[in-house]
Amino acid sequence: MAISISIPDHLAYGSDEARPTRIHGQDVGDAAYATVRNYPGGAAALAPRLGMSVNTLLHKTNPAVTTHILSVQEALTLQDFTGNHAILHAMAETLGYTCSRVSPDDSGGDPTEAIMRMEVAHADLLRALADGVLAGPQGVTSNHMRRAVHMAEEAIAHIGHALAMLRGRMRPAPKTEA
């Protein structure tokens, strides 16, 4: 006899992680538009925090309006208040990049510690990927995917920390006589 248990999203792994806030391929204007309109309370709740009127905010985030432009500082503040970083991701994608949250470097500059933490993060990523692959007939769930994405971002951060440690240990370039 098989048993099936359903766990609500708010109790499952990664429940404190934000759900994706934008559609892949969404442009910057559409991301700004959706950020304002999908926020609880919408423009009416956000405009005072940004120091502008509701109409101004609606115009600045409407891709069809060309007379009002959202400044870079306003876009940063908007993302900070909403916790929705779709504008950042849309900008990065437009320029051919991706973004991931930074993890603090807790290796203290110790090369062995930095390499060990990088390998642990790599093992955690492999475990998350294997759990998704081995999910069987049920298939990969959103929890599998969120966990794998989180572990991938952690692994990327630890690789960056290991590279920074190595870069910090480079000998200075020889000085040339002019």
N, C-alpha and C. Protein backbone atom coordinates (compact mmCIF):
# COMPACT_ATOMS: atom_id res chain seq x y z
N MET A 1 0.83 -1.16 0.00
CA MET A 1 0.00 0.00 0.00
C MET A 1 0.90 1.25 0.00
N ALA A 2 0.61 2.18 -0.89
CA ALA A 2 1.39 3.42 -0.99
C ALA A 2 0.69 4.52 -0.21
N ILE A 3 1.48 5.41 0.32
CA ILE A 3 0.93 6.53 1.07
C ILE A 3 1.43 7.82 0.43
N SER A 4 0.61 8.81 0.39
CA SER A 4 0.99 10.09 -0.19
C SER A 4 0.72 11.17 0.84
N ILE A 5 1.72 12.00 1.07
CA ILE A 5 1.59 13.08 2.04
C ILE A 5 1.81 14.39 1.29
N SER A 6 0.93 15.33 1.51
CA SER A 6 1.06 16.64 0.88
C SER A 6 1.43 17.65 1.95
N ILE A 7 2.50 18.39 1.71
CA ILE A 7 2.98 19.39 2.66
C ILE A 7 2.73 20.77 2.06
N PRO A 8 2.04 21.65 2.78
CA PRO A 8 1.80 23.00 2.25
C PRO A 8 3.12 23.73 2.01
N ASP A 9 3.13 24.62 1.01
CA ASP A 9 4.35 25.35 0.65
C ASP A 9 4.98 26.05 1.85
N HIS A 10 4.17 26.64 2.73
CA HIS A 10 4.74 27.41 3.82
C HIS A 10 5.43 26.54 4.88
N LEU A 11 5.24 25.23 4.84
CA LEU A 11 5.90 24.33 5.78
C LEU A 11 7.03 23.54 5.13
N ALA A 12 7.14 23.59 3.83
CA ALA A 12 8.10 22.77 3.09
C ALA A 12 9.47 23.41 3.08
N TYR A 13 10.46 22.64 2.57
CA TYR A 13 11.82 23.16 2.45
C TYR A 13 11.82 24.42 1.60
N GLY A 14 12.53 25.39 2.06
CA GLY A 14 12.66 26.61 1.28
C GLY A 14 11.45 27.52 1.38
N SER A 15 10.59 27.30 2.39
CA SER A 15 9.37 28.10 2.47
C SER A 15 9.67 29.57 2.70
N ASP A 16 10.86 29.88 3.24
CA ASP A 16 11.20 31.28 3.45
C ASP A 16 11.84 31.91 2.22
N GLU A 17 12.07 31.11 1.19
CA GLU A 17 12.63 31.64 -0.04
C GLU A 17 11.51 32.26 -0.88
N ALA A 18 11.82 33.35 -1.51
CA ALA A 18 10.84 34.01 -2.34
C ALA A 18 10.54 33.17 -3.58
N ARG A 19 9.31 33.19 -3.98
CA ARG A 19 8.93 32.55 -5.23
C ARG A 19 9.45 33.43 -6.37
N PRO A 20 9.67 32.86 -7.54
CA PRO A 20 10.12 33.69 -8.65
C PRO A 20 9.14 34.85 -8.88
N THR A 21 9.68 36.05 -9.07
CA THR A 21 8.83 37.23 -9.20
C THR A 21 8.76 37.74 -10.63
N ARG A 22 9.39 37.06 -11.53
CA ARG A 22 9.31 37.49 -12.93
C ARG A 22 9.41 36.30 -13.85
N ILE A 23 8.94 36.53 -15.02
CA ILE A 23 8.96 35.51 -16.06
C ILE A 23 10.27 35.64 -16.82
N HIS A 24 10.91 34.50 -17.11
CA HIS A 24 12.15 34.51 -17.89
C HIS A 24 11.89 35.26 -19.20
N GLY A 25 12.78 36.17 -19.53
CA GLY A 25 12.64 36.94 -20.77
C GLY A 25 11.85 38.23 -20.59
N GLN A 26 11.37 38.48 -19.38
CA GLN A 26 10.62 39.71 -19.12
C GLN A 26 11.56 40.90 -19.20
N ASP A 27 11.16 41.96 -19.91
CA ASP A 27 12.05 43.11 -20.02
C ASP A 27 11.95 44.01 -18.79
N VAL A 28 12.85 44.98 -18.70
CA VAL A 28 12.96 45.83 -17.53
C VAL A 28 11.68 46.61 -17.28
N GLY A 29 11.11 47.16 -18.31
CA GLY A 29 9.87 47.92 -18.16
C GLY A 29 8.73 47.07 -17.63
N ASP A 30 8.57 45.88 -18.17
CA ASP A 30 7.52 44.98 -17.69
C ASP A 30 7.78 44.55 -16.26
N ALA A 31 9.04 44.35 -15.90
CA ALA A 31 9.39 43.96 -14.53
C ALA A 31 9.03 45.08 -13.56
N ALA A 32 9.32 46.33 -13.91
CA ALA A 32 8.97 47.47 -13.05
C ALA A 32 7.45 47.58 -12.92
N TYR A 33 6.75 47.43 -14.02
CA TYR A 33 5.28 47.49 -14.04
C TYR A 33 4.71 46.43 -13.09
N ALA A 34 5.17 45.20 -13.22
CA ALA A 34 4.66 44.11 -12.40
C ALA A 34 5.05 44.28 -10.93
N THR A 35 6.25 44.80 -10.67
CA THR A 35 6.69 44.99 -9.29
C THR A 35 5.74 45.91 -8.54
N VAL A 36 5.35 47.01 -9.16
CA VAL A 36 4.45 47.97 -8.52
C VAL A 36 3.03 47.41 -8.41
N ARG A 37 2.52 46.86 -9.47
CA ARG A 37 1.13 46.42 -9.47
C ARG A 37 0.88 45.15 -8.67
N ASN A 38 1.90 44.31 -8.51
CA ASN A 38 1.73 43.07 -7.74
C ASN A 38 2.02 43.24 -6.26
N TYR A 39 2.53 44.39 -5.85
CA TYR A 39 2.82 44.63 -4.44
C TYR A 39 1.51 44.80 -3.69
N PRO A 40 1.37 44.21 -2.48
CA PRO A 40 0.13 44.40 -1.71
C PRO A 40 -0.12 45.89 -1.48
N GLY A 41 -1.24 46.35 -1.94
CA GLY A 41 -1.56 47.78 -1.85
C GLY A 41 -1.15 48.55 -3.08
N GLY A 42 -0.36 47.93 -3.96
CA GLY A 42 0.03 48.51 -5.24
C GLY A 42 0.73 49.85 -5.11
N ALA A 43 0.52 50.68 -6.10
CA ALA A 43 1.18 51.99 -6.18
C ALA A 43 0.81 52.88 -5.00
N ALA A 44 -0.42 52.75 -4.50
CA ALA A 44 -0.85 53.57 -3.37
C ALA A 44 0.00 53.31 -2.13
N ALA A 45 0.43 52.08 -1.94
CA ALA A 45 1.27 51.74 -0.79
C ALA A 45 2.73 52.12 -1.01
N LEU A 46 3.20 52.05 -2.26
CA LEU A 46 4.61 52.28 -2.55
C LEU A 46 4.97 53.75 -2.79
N ALA A 47 4.09 54.51 -3.41
CA ALA A 47 4.40 55.89 -3.80
C ALA A 47 4.90 56.75 -2.64
N PRO A 48 4.24 56.73 -1.48
CA PRO A 48 4.75 57.56 -0.38
C PRO A 48 6.17 57.16 0.06
N ARG A 49 6.47 55.88 0.02
CA ARG A 49 7.81 55.42 0.41
C ARG A 49 8.87 55.90 -0.58
N LEU A 50 8.47 56.08 -1.82
CA LEU A 50 9.40 56.55 -2.85
C LEU A 50 9.39 58.06 -2.97
N GLY A 51 8.54 58.73 -2.18
CA GLY A 51 8.48 60.18 -2.20
C GLY A 51 7.88 60.74 -3.46
N MET A 52 6.87 60.06 -4.01
CA MET A 52 6.20 60.56 -5.22
C MET A 52 4.72 60.27 -5.16
N SER A 53 3.98 60.90 -6.03
CA SER A 53 2.54 60.66 -6.06
C SER A 53 2.25 59.31 -6.72
N VAL A 54 1.06 58.80 -6.44
CA VAL A 54 0.64 57.53 -7.02
C VAL A 54 0.65 57.61 -8.54
N ASN A 55 0.12 58.70 -9.09
CA ASN A 55 0.07 58.85 -10.55
C ASN A 55 1.46 58.87 -11.16
N THR A 56 2.39 59.56 -10.51
CA THR A 56 3.76 59.62 -11.02
C THR A 56 4.38 58.23 -11.04
N LEU A 57 4.20 57.47 -9.95
CA LEU A 57 4.75 56.11 -9.90
C LEU A 57 4.12 55.23 -10.97
N LEU A 58 2.81 55.35 -11.15
CA LEU A 58 2.15 54.55 -12.19
C LEU A 58 2.66 54.91 -13.57
N HIS A 59 2.89 56.20 -13.82
CA HIS A 59 3.41 56.62 -15.12
C HIS A 59 4.86 56.16 -15.32
N LYS A 60 5.68 56.26 -14.26
CA LYS A 60 7.09 55.87 -14.37
C LYS A 60 7.27 54.38 -14.60
N THR A 61 6.30 53.58 -14.18
CA THR A 61 6.42 52.13 -14.33
C THR A 61 5.52 51.57 -15.42
N ASN A 62 4.96 52.44 -16.21
CA ASN A 62 4.14 52.00 -17.34
C ASN A 62 5.00 52.06 -18.60
N PRO A 63 5.32 50.90 -19.20
CA PRO A 63 6.18 50.90 -20.38
C PRO A 63 5.63 51.70 -21.57
N ALA A 64 4.32 51.97 -21.57
CA ALA A 64 3.72 52.71 -22.67
C ALA A 64 3.92 54.22 -22.52
N VAL A 65 4.30 54.68 -21.34
CA VAL A 65 4.50 56.11 -21.09
C VAL A 65 5.99 56.43 -21.26
N THR A 66 6.28 57.36 -22.16
CA THR A 66 7.68 57.71 -22.43
C THR A 66 8.09 59.04 -21.82
N THR A 67 7.16 59.75 -21.20
CA THR A 67 7.48 61.06 -20.62
C THR A 67 7.96 60.98 -19.19
N HIS A 68 7.73 59.87 -18.51
CA HIS A 68 8.16 59.67 -17.13
C HIS A 68 9.07 58.44 -17.09
N ILE A 69 10.24 58.60 -16.53
CA ILE A 69 11.23 57.52 -16.49
C ILE A 69 11.60 57.22 -15.03
N LEU A 70 11.61 55.94 -14.67
CA LEU A 70 12.04 55.52 -13.34
C LEU A 70 13.55 55.63 -13.27
N SER A 71 14.06 56.40 -12.31
CA SER A 71 15.52 56.55 -12.19
C SER A 71 16.13 55.28 -11.61
N VAL A 72 17.44 55.16 -11.75
CA VAL A 72 18.15 54.00 -11.20
C VAL A 72 17.95 53.95 -9.68
N GLN A 73 18.08 55.09 -9.01
CA GLN A 73 17.90 55.14 -7.55
C GLN A 73 16.48 54.74 -7.17
N GLU A 74 15.50 55.22 -7.92
CA GLU A 74 14.11 54.85 -7.64
C GLU A 74 13.89 53.35 -7.85
N ALA A 75 14.51 52.78 -8.87
CA ALA A 75 14.38 51.34 -9.11
C ALA A 75 15.00 50.54 -7.97
N LEU A 76 16.15 51.00 -7.45
CA LEU A 76 16.79 50.34 -6.31
C LEU A 76 15.89 50.41 -5.08
N THR A 77 15.36 51.60 -4.79
CA THR A 77 14.49 51.77 -3.63
C THR A 77 13.23 50.94 -3.77
N LEU A 78 12.65 50.93 -4.95
CA LEU A 78 11.45 50.13 -5.21
C LEU A 78 11.71 48.65 -4.93
N GLN A 79 12.83 48.14 -5.41
CA GLN A 79 13.16 46.73 -5.19
C GLN A 79 13.44 46.46 -3.72
N ASP A 80 14.08 47.40 -3.05
CA ASP A 80 14.38 47.25 -1.63
C ASP A 80 13.09 47.19 -0.81
N PHE A 81 12.15 48.09 -1.07
CA PHE A 81 10.88 48.10 -0.33
C PHE A 81 10.03 46.87 -0.61
N THR A 82 9.99 46.45 -1.85
CA THR A 82 9.09 45.34 -2.21
C THR A 82 9.71 43.97 -1.97
N GLY A 83 11.03 43.90 -1.95
CA GLY A 83 11.69 42.59 -1.86
C GLY A 83 11.63 41.84 -3.18
N ASN A 84 11.14 42.49 -4.21
CA ASN A 84 11.02 41.91 -5.55
C ASN A 84 12.17 42.46 -6.39
N HIS A 85 13.07 41.59 -6.81
CA HIS A 85 14.26 42.02 -7.54
C HIS A 85 14.17 41.69 -9.03
N ALA A 86 12.96 41.66 -9.55
CA ALA A 86 12.74 41.33 -10.96
C ALA A 86 13.40 42.35 -11.88
N ILE A 87 13.44 43.61 -11.50
CA ILE A 87 14.07 44.63 -12.34
C ILE A 87 15.56 44.33 -12.48
N LEU A 88 16.22 44.02 -11.38
CA LEU A 88 17.64 43.66 -11.40
C LEU A 88 17.89 42.47 -12.32
N HIS A 89 17.09 41.43 -12.18
CA HIS A 89 17.27 40.22 -12.98
C HIS A 89 16.99 40.49 -14.46
N ALA A 90 15.99 41.32 -14.74
CA ALA A 90 15.68 41.66 -16.13
C ALA A 90 16.83 42.46 -16.75
N MET A 91 17.41 43.38 -15.98
CA MET A 91 18.55 44.15 -16.48
C MET A 91 19.73 43.23 -16.76
N ALA A 92 20.02 42.34 -15.82
CA ALA A 92 21.15 41.42 -16.00
C ALA A 92 20.92 40.53 -17.22
N GLU A 93 19.72 40.01 -17.37
CA GLU A 93 19.43 39.13 -18.51
C GLU A 93 19.56 39.89 -19.84
N THR A 94 19.11 41.14 -19.86
CA THR A 94 19.22 41.96 -21.07
C THR A 94 20.68 42.13 -21.48
N LEU A 95 21.57 42.23 -20.49
CA LEU A 95 22.99 42.43 -20.75
C LEU A 95 23.77 41.12 -20.85
N GLY A 96 23.07 39.99 -20.73
CA GLY A 96 23.73 38.70 -20.87
C GLY A 96 24.33 38.15 -19.58
N TYR A 97 23.79 38.56 -18.44
CA TYR A 97 24.30 38.10 -17.15
C TYR A 97 23.19 37.45 -16.35
N THR A 98 23.57 36.85 -15.22
CA THR A 98 22.61 36.36 -14.25
C THR A 98 23.01 36.94 -12.90
N CYS A 99 22.08 36.95 -11.97
CA CYS A 99 22.34 37.46 -10.63
C CYS A 99 22.04 36.37 -9.61
N SER A 100 22.79 36.37 -8.55
CA SER A 100 22.49 35.49 -7.43
C SER A 100 22.85 36.22 -6.15
N ARG A 101 22.14 35.87 -5.09
CA ARG A 101 22.36 36.50 -3.79
C ARG A 101 23.77 36.15 -3.29
N VAL A 102 24.41 37.12 -2.68
CA VAL A 102 25.76 36.93 -2.17
C VAL A 102 25.70 36.28 -0.80
N SER A 103 26.53 35.29 -0.59
CA SER A 103 26.70 34.68 0.73
C SER A 103 27.96 35.26 1.34
N PRO A 104 27.93 35.55 2.63
CA PRO A 104 29.14 36.12 3.24
C PRO A 104 30.29 35.12 3.24
N ASP A 105 31.50 35.64 3.09
CA ASP A 105 32.69 34.79 3.13
C ASP A 105 33.05 34.58 4.59
N ASP A 106 32.84 33.36 5.06
CA ASP A 106 33.13 33.08 6.45
C ASP A 106 34.37 32.19 6.61
N SER A 107 35.24 32.21 5.60
CA SER A 107 36.46 31.40 5.68
C SER A 107 37.58 32.12 6.42
N GLY A 108 37.41 33.42 6.62
CA GLY A 108 38.44 34.18 7.33
C GLY A 108 39.76 34.29 6.59
N GLY A 109 39.73 34.07 5.27
CA GLY A 109 40.95 34.16 4.47
C GLY A 109 41.82 32.91 4.53
N ASP A 110 41.39 31.90 5.26
CA ASP A 110 42.15 30.64 5.38
C ASP A 110 41.93 29.82 4.11
N PRO A 111 42.98 29.53 3.35
CA PRO A 111 42.83 28.80 2.09
C PRO A 111 42.17 27.43 2.27
N THR A 112 42.56 26.70 3.28
CA THR A 112 41.98 25.37 3.50
C THR A 112 40.49 25.48 3.79
N GLU A 113 40.13 26.43 4.62
CA GLU A 113 38.72 26.64 4.97
C GLU A 113 37.91 27.04 3.74
N ALA A 114 38.44 27.94 2.92
CA ALA A 114 37.73 28.40 1.72
C ALA A 114 37.49 27.24 0.76
N ILE A 115 38.51 26.41 0.54
CA ILE A 115 38.38 25.27 -0.37
C ILE A 115 37.42 24.23 0.21
N MET A 116 37.51 24.00 1.52
CA MET A 116 36.62 23.03 2.16
C MET A 116 35.17 23.48 2.06
N ARG A 117 34.91 24.75 2.31
CA ARG A 117 33.53 25.26 2.22
C ARG A 117 33.02 25.19 0.78
N MET A 118 33.89 25.43 -0.19
CA MET A 118 33.50 25.32 -1.59
C MET A 118 33.11 23.88 -1.92
N GLU A 119 33.87 22.93 -1.45
CA GLU A 119 33.56 21.51 -1.72
C GLU A 119 32.29 21.05 -1.02
N VAL A 120 32.06 21.52 0.20
CA VAL A 120 30.82 21.19 0.91
C VAL A 120 29.62 21.75 0.14
N ALA A 121 29.74 22.98 -0.34
CA ALA A 121 28.65 23.59 -1.12
C ALA A 121 28.42 22.80 -2.41
N HIS A 122 29.50 22.33 -3.03
CA HIS A 122 29.38 21.51 -4.24
C HIS A 122 28.66 20.20 -3.93
N ALA A 123 29.01 19.58 -2.81
CA ALA A 123 28.35 18.33 -2.42
C ALA A 123 26.87 18.56 -2.13
N ASP A 124 26.54 19.68 -1.48
CA ASP A 124 25.14 20.00 -1.20
C ASP A 124 24.36 20.20 -2.50
N LEU A 125 25.00 20.84 -3.47
CA LEU A 125 24.36 21.03 -4.78
C LEU A 125 24.11 19.68 -5.45
N LEU A 126 25.11 18.82 -5.45
CA LEU A 126 24.95 17.50 -6.07
C LEU A 126 23.83 16.71 -5.39
N ARG A 127 23.74 16.80 -4.08
CA ARG A 127 22.68 16.11 -3.35
C ARG A 127 21.31 16.65 -3.74
N ALA A 128 21.19 17.97 -3.86
CA ALA A 128 19.91 18.57 -4.25
C ALA A 128 19.53 18.17 -5.67
N LEU A 129 20.50 18.15 -6.58
CA LEU A 129 20.23 17.73 -7.95
C LEU A 129 19.82 16.26 -8.00
N ALA A 130 20.51 15.42 -7.25
CA ALA A 130 20.20 13.99 -7.22
C ALA A 130 18.81 13.75 -6.66
N ASP A 131 18.43 14.48 -5.62
CA ASP A 131 17.09 14.32 -5.05
C ASP A 131 16.02 14.62 -6.10
N GLY A 132 16.25 15.64 -6.91
CA GLY A 132 15.29 15.96 -7.97
C GLY A 132 15.27 14.90 -9.05
N VAL A 133 16.45 14.44 -9.46
CA VAL A 133 16.54 13.43 -10.51
C VAL A 133 15.92 12.10 -10.05
N LEU A 134 16.12 11.78 -8.78
CA LEU A 134 15.63 10.51 -8.25
C LEU A 134 14.19 10.60 -7.73
N ALA A 135 13.51 11.69 -8.02
CA ALA A 135 12.14 11.88 -7.52
C ALA A 135 11.19 10.80 -8.03
N GLY A 136 11.58 10.12 -9.08
CA GLY A 136 10.76 9.03 -9.60
C GLY A 136 9.55 9.51 -10.36
N PRO A 137 8.51 8.70 -10.36
CA PRO A 137 7.32 9.01 -11.17
C PRO A 137 6.62 10.30 -10.75
N GLN A 138 6.83 10.74 -9.50
CA GLN A 138 6.18 11.98 -9.06
C GLN A 138 6.75 13.19 -9.79
N GLY A 139 7.98 13.09 -10.23
CA GLY A 139 8.62 14.18 -10.95
C GLY A 139 9.23 15.21 -10.02
N VAL A 140 9.90 16.16 -10.60
CA VAL A 140 10.56 17.23 -9.85
C VAL A 140 9.50 18.21 -9.36
N THR A 141 9.53 18.50 -8.07
CA THR A 141 8.57 19.44 -7.49
C THR A 141 9.17 20.84 -7.43
N SER A 142 8.34 21.82 -7.10
CA SER A 142 8.85 23.19 -6.95
C SER A 142 9.82 23.26 -5.77
N ASN A 143 9.63 22.42 -4.76
CA ASN A 143 10.57 22.39 -3.64
C ASN A 143 11.92 21.84 -4.08
N HIS A 144 11.92 20.79 -4.92
CA HIS A 144 13.19 20.28 -5.45
C HIS A 144 13.91 21.40 -6.20
N MET A 145 13.16 22.11 -7.01
CA MET A 145 13.75 23.15 -7.85
C MET A 145 14.29 24.30 -7.00
N ARG A 146 13.50 24.76 -6.02
CA ARG A 146 13.96 25.85 -5.16
C ARG A 146 15.22 25.45 -4.40
N ARG A 147 15.25 24.22 -3.91
CA ARG A 147 16.41 23.75 -3.16
C ARG A 147 17.64 23.70 -4.07
N ALA A 148 17.48 23.18 -5.29
CA ALA A 148 18.61 23.09 -6.22
C ALA A 148 19.12 24.48 -6.59
N VAL A 149 18.21 25.41 -6.85
CA VAL A 149 18.62 26.78 -7.19
C VAL A 149 19.38 27.41 -6.03
N HIS A 150 18.85 27.23 -4.82
CA HIS A 150 19.52 27.79 -3.64
C HIS A 150 20.92 27.20 -3.48
N MET A 151 21.03 25.90 -3.62
CA MET A 151 22.34 25.24 -3.46
C MET A 151 23.30 25.66 -4.58
N ALA A 152 22.79 25.87 -5.78
CA ALA A 152 23.64 26.34 -6.89
C ALA A 152 24.17 27.73 -6.59
N GLU A 153 23.31 28.61 -6.07
CA GLU A 153 23.75 29.95 -5.74
C GLU A 153 24.79 29.93 -4.62
N GLU A 154 24.60 29.07 -3.64
CA GLU A 154 25.59 28.93 -2.57
C GLU A 154 26.92 28.44 -3.12
N ALA A 155 26.88 27.45 -4.01
CA ALA A 155 28.11 26.92 -4.60
C ALA A 155 28.83 28.00 -5.40
N ILE A 156 28.09 28.78 -6.17
CA ILE A 156 28.69 29.87 -6.95
C ILE A 156 29.36 30.88 -6.01
N ALA A 157 28.68 31.21 -4.92
CA ALA A 157 29.25 32.17 -3.96
C ALA A 157 30.54 31.62 -3.36
N HIS A 158 30.56 30.35 -3.00
CA HIS A 158 31.76 29.78 -2.39
C HIS A 158 32.90 29.65 -3.40
N ILE A 159 32.57 29.41 -4.64
CA ILE A 159 33.61 29.42 -5.69
C ILE A 159 34.22 30.82 -5.79
N GLY A 160 33.35 31.83 -5.75
CA GLY A 160 33.83 33.22 -5.78
C GLY A 160 34.72 33.54 -4.59
N HIS A 161 34.36 33.04 -3.41
CA HIS A 161 35.18 33.26 -2.21
C HIS A 161 36.55 32.58 -2.36
N ALA A 162 36.55 31.36 -2.90
CA ALA A 162 37.82 30.65 -3.09
C ALA A 162 38.71 31.38 -4.09
N LEU A 163 38.10 31.91 -5.16
CA LEU A 163 38.88 32.67 -6.14
C LEU A 163 39.42 33.96 -5.53
N ALA A 164 38.60 34.62 -4.70
CA ALA A 164 39.05 35.85 -4.04
C ALA A 164 40.22 35.55 -3.10
N MET A 165 40.14 34.42 -2.39
CA MET A 165 41.24 34.02 -1.51
C MET A 165 42.51 33.82 -2.33
N LEU A 166 42.38 33.13 -3.46
CA LEU A 166 43.55 32.87 -4.31
C LEU A 166 44.10 34.17 -4.88
N ARG A 167 43.20 35.06 -5.31
CA ARG A 167 43.63 36.35 -5.86
C ARG A 167 44.37 37.15 -4.79
N GLY A 168 43.92 37.07 -3.55
CA GLY A 168 44.58 37.77 -2.45
C GLY A 168 45.96 37.24 -2.15
N ARG A 169 46.26 36.04 -2.59
CA ARG A 169 47.57 35.43 -2.33
C ARG A 169 48.53 35.59 -3.51
N MET A 170 48.08 36.29 -4.56
CA MET A 170 48.96 36.49 -5.73
C MET A 170 50.15 37.36 -5.34
N ARG A 171 51.28 37.02 -5.90
CA ARG A 171 52.46 37.87 -5.66
C ARG A 171 52.30 39.12 -6.50
N PRO A 172 52.87 40.20 -6.02
CA PRO A 172 52.77 41.45 -6.78
C PRO A 172 53.50 41.33 -8.12
N ALA A 173 53.01 42.04 -9.10
CA ALA A 173 53.67 42.06 -10.40
C ALA A 173 55.03 42.74 -10.25
N PRO A 174 56.03 42.25 -10.99
CA PRO A 174 57.36 42.86 -10.88
C PRO A 174 57.31 44.32 -11.37
N LYS A 175 58.05 45.15 -10.69
CA LYS A 175 58.11 46.55 -11.08
C LYS A 175 59.14 46.71 -12.18
N THR A 176 58.78 47.48 -13.16
CA THR A 176 59.69 47.72 -14.26
C THR A 176 60.27 49.12 -14.15
N GLU A 177 61.47 49.25 -14.54
CA GLU A 177 62.14 50.55 -14.55
C GLU A 177 61.69 51.30 -15.80
N ALA A 178 61.30 52.55 -15.62
CA ALA A 178 60.85 53.33 -16.75
C ALA A 178 61.95 54.11 -17.39
